[in-house]
Protein backbone atom coordinates (compact mmCIF):
# COMPACT_ATOMS: atom_id res chain seq x y z
CA MET A 1 -70.20 -43.17 6.45
CA GLN A 2 -67.93 -45.97 5.30
CA LEU A 3 -64.16 -45.85 5.67
CA THR A 4 -62.29 -47.43 2.75
CA GLU A 5 -58.97 -49.09 3.53
CA THR A 6 -55.81 -47.51 2.13
CA GLN A 7 -55.00 -50.34 -0.28
CA GLU A 8 -58.28 -49.74 -2.12
CA LEU A 9 -57.67 -46.03 -2.57
CA ASP A 10 -55.61 -46.10 -5.76
CA ALA A 11 -58.30 -48.02 -7.63
CA GLU A 12 -61.28 -46.08 -6.27
CA LEU A 13 -60.12 -42.48 -5.90
CA SER A 14 -60.69 -41.61 -9.55
CA GLU A 15 -64.34 -42.63 -9.11
CA VAL A 16 -64.84 -40.37 -6.08
CA GLU A 17 -64.04 -36.97 -7.56
CA ASN A 18 -65.01 -35.37 -10.85
CA LEU A 19 -63.71 -31.98 -11.89
CA GLY A 20 -65.63 -30.48 -14.80
CA GLY A 21 -66.92 -33.92 -15.75
CA LYS A 22 -63.41 -35.41 -15.92
CA ASN A 23 -61.79 -37.92 -13.61
CA VAL A 24 -59.20 -36.67 -11.13
CA PRO A 25 -55.84 -36.60 -12.94
CA ASP A 26 -53.27 -39.26 -12.12
CA LEU A 27 -50.95 -36.52 -10.87
CA PHE A 28 -53.39 -35.57 -8.08
CA ARG A 29 -53.77 -39.21 -7.11
CA GLN A 30 -50.02 -39.70 -6.97
CA ILE A 31 -49.50 -36.57 -4.87
CA PHE A 32 -52.32 -37.55 -2.54
CA LEU A 33 -50.83 -41.00 -2.02
CA SER A 34 -47.24 -39.88 -1.53
CA VAL A 35 -47.51 -36.58 0.39
CA PRO A 36 -46.13 -36.91 3.97
CA VAL A 37 -49.28 -35.28 5.38
CA ALA A 38 -52.23 -37.18 6.84
CA MET A 39 -55.11 -36.45 4.45
CA ALA A 40 -58.43 -38.03 3.57
CA VAL A 41 -61.22 -37.37 1.07
CA SER A 42 -64.76 -37.56 2.42
CA SER A 43 -68.36 -36.85 1.53
CA ALA A 44 -71.48 -36.50 3.64
CA ASP A 45 -72.87 -39.95 2.89
CA GLY A 46 -70.05 -41.69 1.05
CA PRO A 47 -66.81 -43.45 1.97
CA VAL A 48 -63.75 -41.81 3.50
CA PHE A 49 -60.48 -42.42 1.66
CA PRO A 50 -57.34 -41.94 3.83
CA ASN A 51 -53.91 -41.69 2.24
CA PRO A 52 -51.07 -43.83 3.69
CA SER A 53 -49.90 -41.09 6.07
CA CYS A 54 -53.43 -40.71 7.38
CA ALA A 55 -53.83 -44.46 7.83
CA ASP A 56 -50.59 -44.56 9.86
CA LEU A 57 -51.80 -41.76 12.13
CA LEU A 58 -55.19 -43.42 12.58
CA ARG A 59 -53.48 -46.64 13.65
CA GLU A 60 -51.60 -44.69 16.33
CA THR A 61 -54.67 -42.77 17.46
CA VAL A 62 -57.47 -45.33 17.21
CA GLY A 63 -55.98 -48.78 16.65
CA GLU A 64 -55.60 -51.33 13.88
CA SER A 65 -59.29 -51.81 13.06
CA PRO A 66 -60.62 -49.88 10.01
CA GLN A 67 -64.09 -50.18 11.56
CA LEU A 68 -62.87 -48.21 14.59
CA TRP A 69 -61.32 -45.66 12.22
CA GLN A 70 -64.76 -45.28 10.58
CA ARG A 71 -66.60 -44.60 13.84
CA TRP A 72 -63.87 -42.27 15.16
CA VAL A 73 -63.68 -40.18 11.98
CA SER A 74 -67.47 -40.08 11.61
CA ALA A 75 -67.92 -38.85 15.19
CA ALA A 76 -65.21 -36.20 14.77
CA LEU A 77 -66.71 -34.89 11.52
CA ALA A 78 -70.24 -34.90 12.97
CA ARG A 79 -69.04 -32.78 15.90
CA LEU A 80 -67.31 -30.32 13.56
CA VAL A 81 -70.42 -29.93 11.42
CA ALA A 82 -72.70 -29.59 14.47
CA ASN A 83 -70.47 -26.89 15.99
CA GLY A 84 -70.16 -25.03 12.72
CA SER A 85 -66.37 -25.07 13.02
CA TRP A 86 -63.62 -26.11 10.64
CA ARG A 87 -61.00 -27.33 13.11
CA ASP A 88 -61.00 -29.38 16.30
CA VAL A 89 -58.57 -31.26 18.53
CA VAL A 90 -59.72 -34.85 19.02
CA CYS A 91 -58.39 -37.23 21.67
CA GLY A 92 -57.35 -40.80 20.96
CA VAL A 93 -59.60 -43.66 21.96
CA CYS A 94 -57.76 -44.34 25.22
CA GLU A 95 -55.06 -42.98 27.52
CA GLY A 96 -51.62 -42.96 25.93
CA ARG A 97 -52.94 -42.46 22.41
CA PRO A 98 -52.00 -39.17 20.72
CA GLU A 99 -54.29 -36.17 20.33
CA VAL A 100 -55.02 -35.17 16.73
CA GLU A 101 -55.93 -31.81 15.22
CA LEU A 102 -58.54 -32.41 12.52
CA THR A 103 -59.15 -29.72 9.90
CA LEU A 104 -62.10 -29.88 7.51
CA GLY A 105 -61.61 -28.16 4.15
CA PRO A 106 -64.37 -26.59 2.03
CA GLU A 107 -66.42 -28.58 -0.47
CA VAL A 108 -64.34 -28.85 -3.63
CA THR A 109 -66.93 -30.10 -6.13
CA ARG A 110 -70.67 -30.26 -6.64
CA SER A 111 -70.59 -33.78 -5.23
CA GLY A 112 -69.79 -32.35 -1.80
CA HIS A 113 -66.43 -34.06 -1.39
CA ARG A 114 -64.09 -32.44 1.10
CA VAL A 115 -60.46 -32.87 2.08
CA ILE A 116 -59.68 -33.60 5.72
CA THR A 117 -56.21 -33.13 7.18
CA LEU A 118 -55.06 -34.62 10.46
CA ARG A 119 -52.04 -33.56 12.51
CA ARG A 120 -50.61 -35.13 15.62
CA ILE A 121 -50.56 -32.70 18.56
CA GLU A 122 -47.32 -32.85 20.50
CA ALA A 123 -47.49 -32.88 24.30
CA SER A 124 -45.83 -29.46 24.51
CA GLU A 125 -48.58 -27.95 22.30
CA SER A 126 -51.27 -29.43 24.51
CA ARG A 127 -49.57 -27.99 27.59
CA SER A 128 -49.37 -24.57 25.91
CA GLU A 129 -53.11 -24.62 25.20
CA ASP A 130 -53.84 -25.71 28.76
CA LEU A 131 -51.64 -22.89 30.09
CA ALA A 132 -53.40 -20.34 27.88
CA GLU A 133 -56.77 -21.52 29.16
CA THR A 134 -55.61 -21.43 32.80
CA VAL A 135 -54.06 -17.97 32.53
CA SER A 136 -57.11 -16.65 30.68
CA THR A 137 -59.36 -17.85 33.49
CA LEU A 138 -56.99 -16.38 36.09
CA TYR A 139 -56.88 -13.04 34.29
CA HIS A 140 -60.65 -12.69 34.12
CA GLU A 141 -61.00 -13.74 37.76
CA LEU A 142 -58.46 -11.10 38.83
CA ARG A 143 -59.69 -8.35 36.56
CA THR A 144 -62.88 -7.56 38.49
CA PRO A 145 -61.31 -7.17 41.96
CA LEU A 146 -58.33 -5.26 40.51
CA THR A 147 -60.64 -2.82 38.73
CA SER A 148 -62.68 -2.35 41.91
CA MET A 149 -59.53 -1.72 43.97
CA LYS A 150 -58.21 0.83 41.46
CA SER A 151 -61.53 2.70 41.38
CA SER A 152 -61.78 2.81 45.18
CA LEU A 153 -58.18 3.95 45.64
CA SER A 154 -58.64 6.61 42.98
CA LEU A 155 -61.54 8.10 44.93
CA VAL A 156 -59.43 8.24 48.07
CA GLN A 157 -56.39 9.69 46.23
CA THR A 158 -58.42 12.52 44.70
CA GLY A 159 -59.80 13.53 48.10
CA GLU A 160 -63.38 12.41 47.43
CA THR A 161 -63.48 10.68 50.83
CA GLY A 162 -61.68 13.44 52.73
CA PRO A 163 -58.28 15.17 52.84
CA LEU A 164 -55.02 13.18 52.98
CA ASN A 165 -51.75 14.01 54.61
CA ASP A 166 -48.45 13.54 52.75
CA GLU A 167 -47.66 10.17 54.30
CA GLN A 168 -51.08 8.76 53.44
CA GLY A 169 -50.76 10.04 49.87
CA HIS A 170 -47.34 8.42 49.55
CA PHE A 171 -48.53 4.98 50.64
CA LEU A 172 -51.71 5.15 48.56
CA GLY A 173 -49.65 6.07 45.50
CA MET A 174 -47.32 3.12 46.12
CA THR A 175 -50.32 0.79 46.48
CA MET A 176 -51.87 2.06 43.24
CA ARG A 177 -48.63 1.57 41.32
CA ASN A 178 -48.35 -2.02 42.52
CA ILE A 179 -51.96 -2.77 41.58
CA GLU A 180 -51.31 -1.39 38.09
CA ARG A 181 -48.11 -3.43 37.88
CA LEU A 182 -50.00 -6.61 38.82
CA ASP A 183 -52.66 -5.83 36.22
CA ARG A 184 -50.00 -5.38 33.50
CA LEU A 185 -48.13 -8.51 34.59
CA VAL A 186 -51.18 -10.78 34.38
CA GLY A 187 -52.13 -9.23 31.04
CA ASP A 188 -48.61 -9.78 29.71
CA LEU A 189 -48.63 -13.39 30.86
CA LEU A 190 -52.00 -13.95 29.19
CA ASP A 191 -50.62 -12.63 25.89
CA ALA A 192 -47.48 -14.77 26.20
CA SER A 193 -49.44 -17.95 26.91
CA ARG A 194 -51.80 -17.26 24.00
CA ALA A 195 -48.83 -16.60 21.73
CA SER A 196 -47.29 -19.91 22.79
CA ALA A 197 -50.56 -21.70 21.99
CA GLY A 198 -50.89 -19.89 18.64
CA SER A 199 -54.08 -18.08 19.65
CA LEU A 200 -52.89 -14.50 20.16
CA VAL A 201 -55.10 -12.03 18.30
CA LEU A 202 -53.41 -8.94 16.85
CA LYS A 203 -55.21 -5.60 16.49
CA LEU A 204 -53.59 -4.12 13.40
CA GLY A 205 -53.58 -0.47 12.46
CA GLU A 206 -51.75 1.51 9.77
CA GLY A 207 -49.92 4.79 10.31
CA ASP A 208 -46.68 6.50 11.33
CA LEU A 209 -44.98 4.63 14.18
CA ILE A 210 -42.47 7.34 15.13
CA PRO A 211 -44.87 9.40 17.34
CA VAL A 212 -45.99 6.16 19.04
CA LEU A 213 -42.41 5.07 19.71
CA GLU A 214 -41.39 8.54 20.91
CA GLU A 215 -44.27 8.68 23.39
CA ALA A 216 -43.55 5.15 24.66
CA LEU A 217 -39.84 5.92 25.15
CA ASN A 218 -40.46 9.32 26.74
CA GLN A 219 -42.32 7.56 29.53
CA HIS A 220 -39.02 5.91 30.52
CA ALA A 221 -36.97 9.12 30.47
CA GLU A 222 -38.07 10.20 33.96
CA THR A 223 -37.30 6.73 35.36
CA ALA A 224 -33.79 6.94 33.87
CA LYS A 225 -33.25 10.43 35.30
CA THR A 226 -34.33 9.33 38.79
CA ALA A 227 -31.97 6.32 38.58
CA GLY A 228 -29.04 8.52 37.55
CA LEU A 229 -28.79 7.04 34.06
CA LYS A 230 -28.07 8.57 30.68
CA PHE A 231 -31.02 7.75 28.41
CA GLU A 232 -30.74 8.38 24.67
CA THR A 233 -32.99 7.62 21.70
CA HIS A 234 -31.99 7.64 18.04
CA PHE A 235 -34.47 7.50 15.14
CA GLU A 236 -32.98 6.78 11.72
CA ASN A 237 -35.87 8.50 9.87
CA ALA A 238 -38.47 11.11 10.72
CA THR A 239 -41.36 8.83 9.74
CA LEU A 240 -41.98 5.08 9.75
CA GLN A 241 -45.18 4.02 8.00
CA ALA A 242 -46.30 0.53 9.00
CA ARG A 243 -49.25 -1.78 9.64
CA THR A 244 -48.71 -3.25 13.10
CA ASP A 245 -50.22 -3.84 16.52
CA THR A 246 -48.97 -0.71 18.30
CA ASP A 247 -50.20 -1.88 21.72
CA LYS A 248 -48.02 -4.98 21.47
CA ILE A 249 -45.03 -2.88 20.38
CA ILE A 250 -45.47 -0.55 23.37
CA GLN A 251 -45.77 -3.65 25.57
CA MET A 252 -42.47 -5.03 24.25
CA ILE A 253 -40.71 -1.67 24.67
CA ALA A 254 -41.90 -1.49 28.27
CA ASN A 255 -40.47 -4.96 28.98
CA VAL A 256 -37.10 -4.56 27.26
CA VAL A 257 -36.35 -0.91 28.12
CA GLY A 258 -37.70 -1.40 31.64
CA ASN A 259 -35.35 -4.36 32.07
CA ALA A 260 -32.36 -2.34 30.88
CA LEU A 261 -33.16 0.55 33.24
CA LYS A 262 -33.64 -1.78 36.21
CA PHE A 263 -30.33 -3.60 35.87
CA THR A 264 -28.06 -0.74 34.80
CA PRO A 265 -26.34 0.85 37.82
CA SER A 266 -26.36 4.61 38.44
CA GLY A 267 -23.93 6.45 36.19
CA GLY A 268 -24.50 4.03 33.31
CA SER A 269 -26.45 4.49 30.09
CA VAL A 270 -29.33 3.01 28.11
CA THR A 271 -29.61 3.74 24.37
CA VAL A 272 -32.58 2.91 22.11
CA SER A 273 -32.23 3.01 18.32
CA VAL A 274 -34.95 2.64 15.68
CA THR A 275 -33.74 1.62 12.21
CA GLU A 276 -35.32 0.47 8.95
CA ASP A 277 -34.30 -2.45 6.80
CA PRO A 278 -33.00 -1.32 3.36
CA ASN A 279 -35.70 -3.34 1.56
CA GLY A 280 -38.42 -1.56 3.54
CA GLU A 281 -40.00 -4.79 4.82
CA GLU A 282 -38.77 -4.64 8.42
CA PHE A 283 -37.76 -2.22 11.15
CA SER A 284 -35.69 -2.84 14.26
CA LEU A 285 -35.68 -1.66 17.85
CA VAL A 286 -32.26 -1.98 19.46
CA VAL A 287 -31.82 -1.46 23.22
CA GLU A 288 -28.25 -1.29 24.55
CA ASP A 289 -27.25 -0.87 28.19
CA THR A 290 -24.06 -0.73 30.26
CA GLY A 291 -25.40 -3.06 32.93
CA PRO A 292 -23.76 -6.15 34.46
CA GLY A 293 -24.15 -8.26 31.31
CA MET A 294 -24.54 -12.03 31.18
CA ASP A 295 -22.32 -15.01 30.51
CA GLU A 296 -23.15 -17.86 28.10
CA LYS A 297 -24.91 -19.91 30.77
CA ALA A 298 -27.18 -17.00 31.68
CA LEU A 299 -27.89 -16.25 28.02
CA ALA A 300 -29.05 -19.85 27.52
CA GLN A 301 -31.60 -19.47 30.35
CA VAL A 302 -32.72 -15.86 29.96
CA PHE A 303 -35.92 -16.65 28.02
CA GLU A 304 -37.17 -19.26 30.49
CA PRO A 305 -40.28 -18.07 32.38
CA PHE A 306 -39.74 -17.11 36.03
CA LYS A 307 -35.98 -17.59 35.61
CA ARG A 308 -33.83 -14.79 37.06
CA VAL A 309 -30.31 -15.21 35.69
CA HIS A 310 -28.59 -12.68 37.94
CA ASP A 311 -27.37 -13.74 41.38
CA GLU A 312 -30.40 -13.14 43.56
CA ASN A 313 -28.21 -12.88 46.67
CA ASN A 314 -26.33 -9.90 45.24
CA CYS A 315 -28.95 -8.40 42.92
CA LYS A 316 -31.28 -5.96 44.68
CA VAL A 317 -33.56 -5.55 41.65
CA LEU A 318 -37.02 -7.01 42.13
CA GLY A 319 -38.70 -8.79 39.24
CA SER A 320 -40.68 -11.83 38.11
CA GLY A 321 -38.29 -13.15 35.48
CA LEU A 322 -41.02 -12.91 32.82
CA GLY A 323 -40.12 -9.80 30.80
CA LEU A 324 -37.94 -11.33 28.08
CA HIS A 325 -40.02 -14.52 27.94
CA ILE A 326 -43.17 -12.47 27.36
CA THR A 327 -41.47 -10.25 24.78
CA ARG A 328 -40.20 -13.20 22.76
CA GLY A 329 -43.69 -14.70 22.65
CA LEU A 330 -45.18 -11.41 21.48
CA ILE A 331 -42.60 -10.78 18.76
CA GLU A 332 -42.75 -14.32 17.38
CA ALA A 333 -46.56 -14.06 17.20
CA GLN A 334 -46.00 -11.06 14.89
CA GLY A 335 -43.56 -12.95 12.66
CA GLY A 336 -40.54 -11.11 14.06
CA LYS A 337 -37.31 -12.14 15.75
CA MET A 338 -35.61 -11.29 19.01
CA LYS A 339 -31.82 -11.38 19.31
CA LEU A 340 -29.81 -10.91 22.47
CA SER A 341 -26.07 -10.51 23.00
CA SER A 342 -24.20 -9.71 26.18
CA ILE A 343 -20.71 -9.32 27.63
CA PRO A 344 -20.22 -9.84 31.38
CA GLY A 345 -19.28 -6.57 33.05
CA LYS A 346 -19.96 -4.46 29.95
CA GLY A 347 -23.63 -4.67 29.12
CA THR A 348 -26.41 -6.23 27.05
CA CYS A 349 -27.91 -5.56 23.62
CA VAL A 350 -31.47 -6.64 22.73
CA ARG A 351 -32.60 -6.40 19.11
CA LEU A 352 -36.24 -6.69 18.04
CA ASP A 353 -36.72 -7.22 14.29
CA LEU A 354 -40.35 -6.60 13.30
CA LYS A 355 -42.29 -6.77 10.06
CA ARG A 356 -43.62 -3.42 8.85
CA TRP A 357 -46.69 -4.69 7.01
CA LEU A 358 -48.59 -7.37 8.90
CA GLU A 359 -51.61 -9.04 7.32
CA ASN A 360 -54.81 -10.06 9.08
CA PRO A 361 -55.16 -13.87 9.18
CA GLU A 362 -58.02 -15.33 7.13
CA ASN A 363 -59.17 -17.58 9.96
CA PRO A 364 -58.05 -15.96 13.22
CA ASN A 365 -58.22 -18.10 16.32
CA THR A 366 -59.50 -15.84 19.03
CA GLY A 367 -58.62 -18.29 21.75
């Protein structure tokens, strides 16, 4: 596979492609040459034609030599074809060179020519992918012992191994709740890291969301009662038809409402409202509490992972500092938005704006 230098492209591109027996129009050639996206046209046994943006990126990634470009691109394409994939992240030729995401398009003519796009991977994206991989490994390593512990404790709790006194039942129940909390926490962190790396897979289903939301919120009513809080829910309409990932919505409700209940002192209130956008394209979950609130400095840090913005010396509430970080990752992966406002000493309002009709991606990345 030969790599043709950029300066030769304008003269030779019209000879590479034929559409219906006609040469590629000048308009396509002009767009190809001027678009600020690194693109190249290739064929299985012919030359590769990079546009100027692609040539610039190849210089950064591989070096000045077009011969090195040829070998690097050929090796990357050969690996893609061998793996049967259409996208890959390729490292530069040496340390300090950027990583590049290479995407191979479908064959566009009978001649077998294809369009390749290249995109520089920023360091933060690489770290996100590394984190997703690390957390995924951690989750699967923890899942087996956690499942075994839950099964064993369940047998003891139900009396299969002999009768329990009240004190033993109390401590076993506390242990089981903490195991379940750890299981949820690691699962939440896995979803958040995958969302950050762009590899979160949504399981979409269509139906009425109101019963799902009611059930999810009812689970928090007993917690509110025990904490001495007033807990109210308001639904704008009796039904809410949507195509969403209900498990992710329940997960977000658990994080946001759970946060509000934890930080609101006894005698306060937590209110959850569900409203629809007038155009019917979105719906919103709004959670308002009368907790301690946050100042501007705390608001600027509240989405940082493992960051607890309340004074840990005075705050008796235990937590990991991951709830809002995880929720933001989940909602952004669904094309929604999360808004937060707060007044010190008066309370906090969290608003989740979600799309009603999500579409399955054509090429999902299962991560």
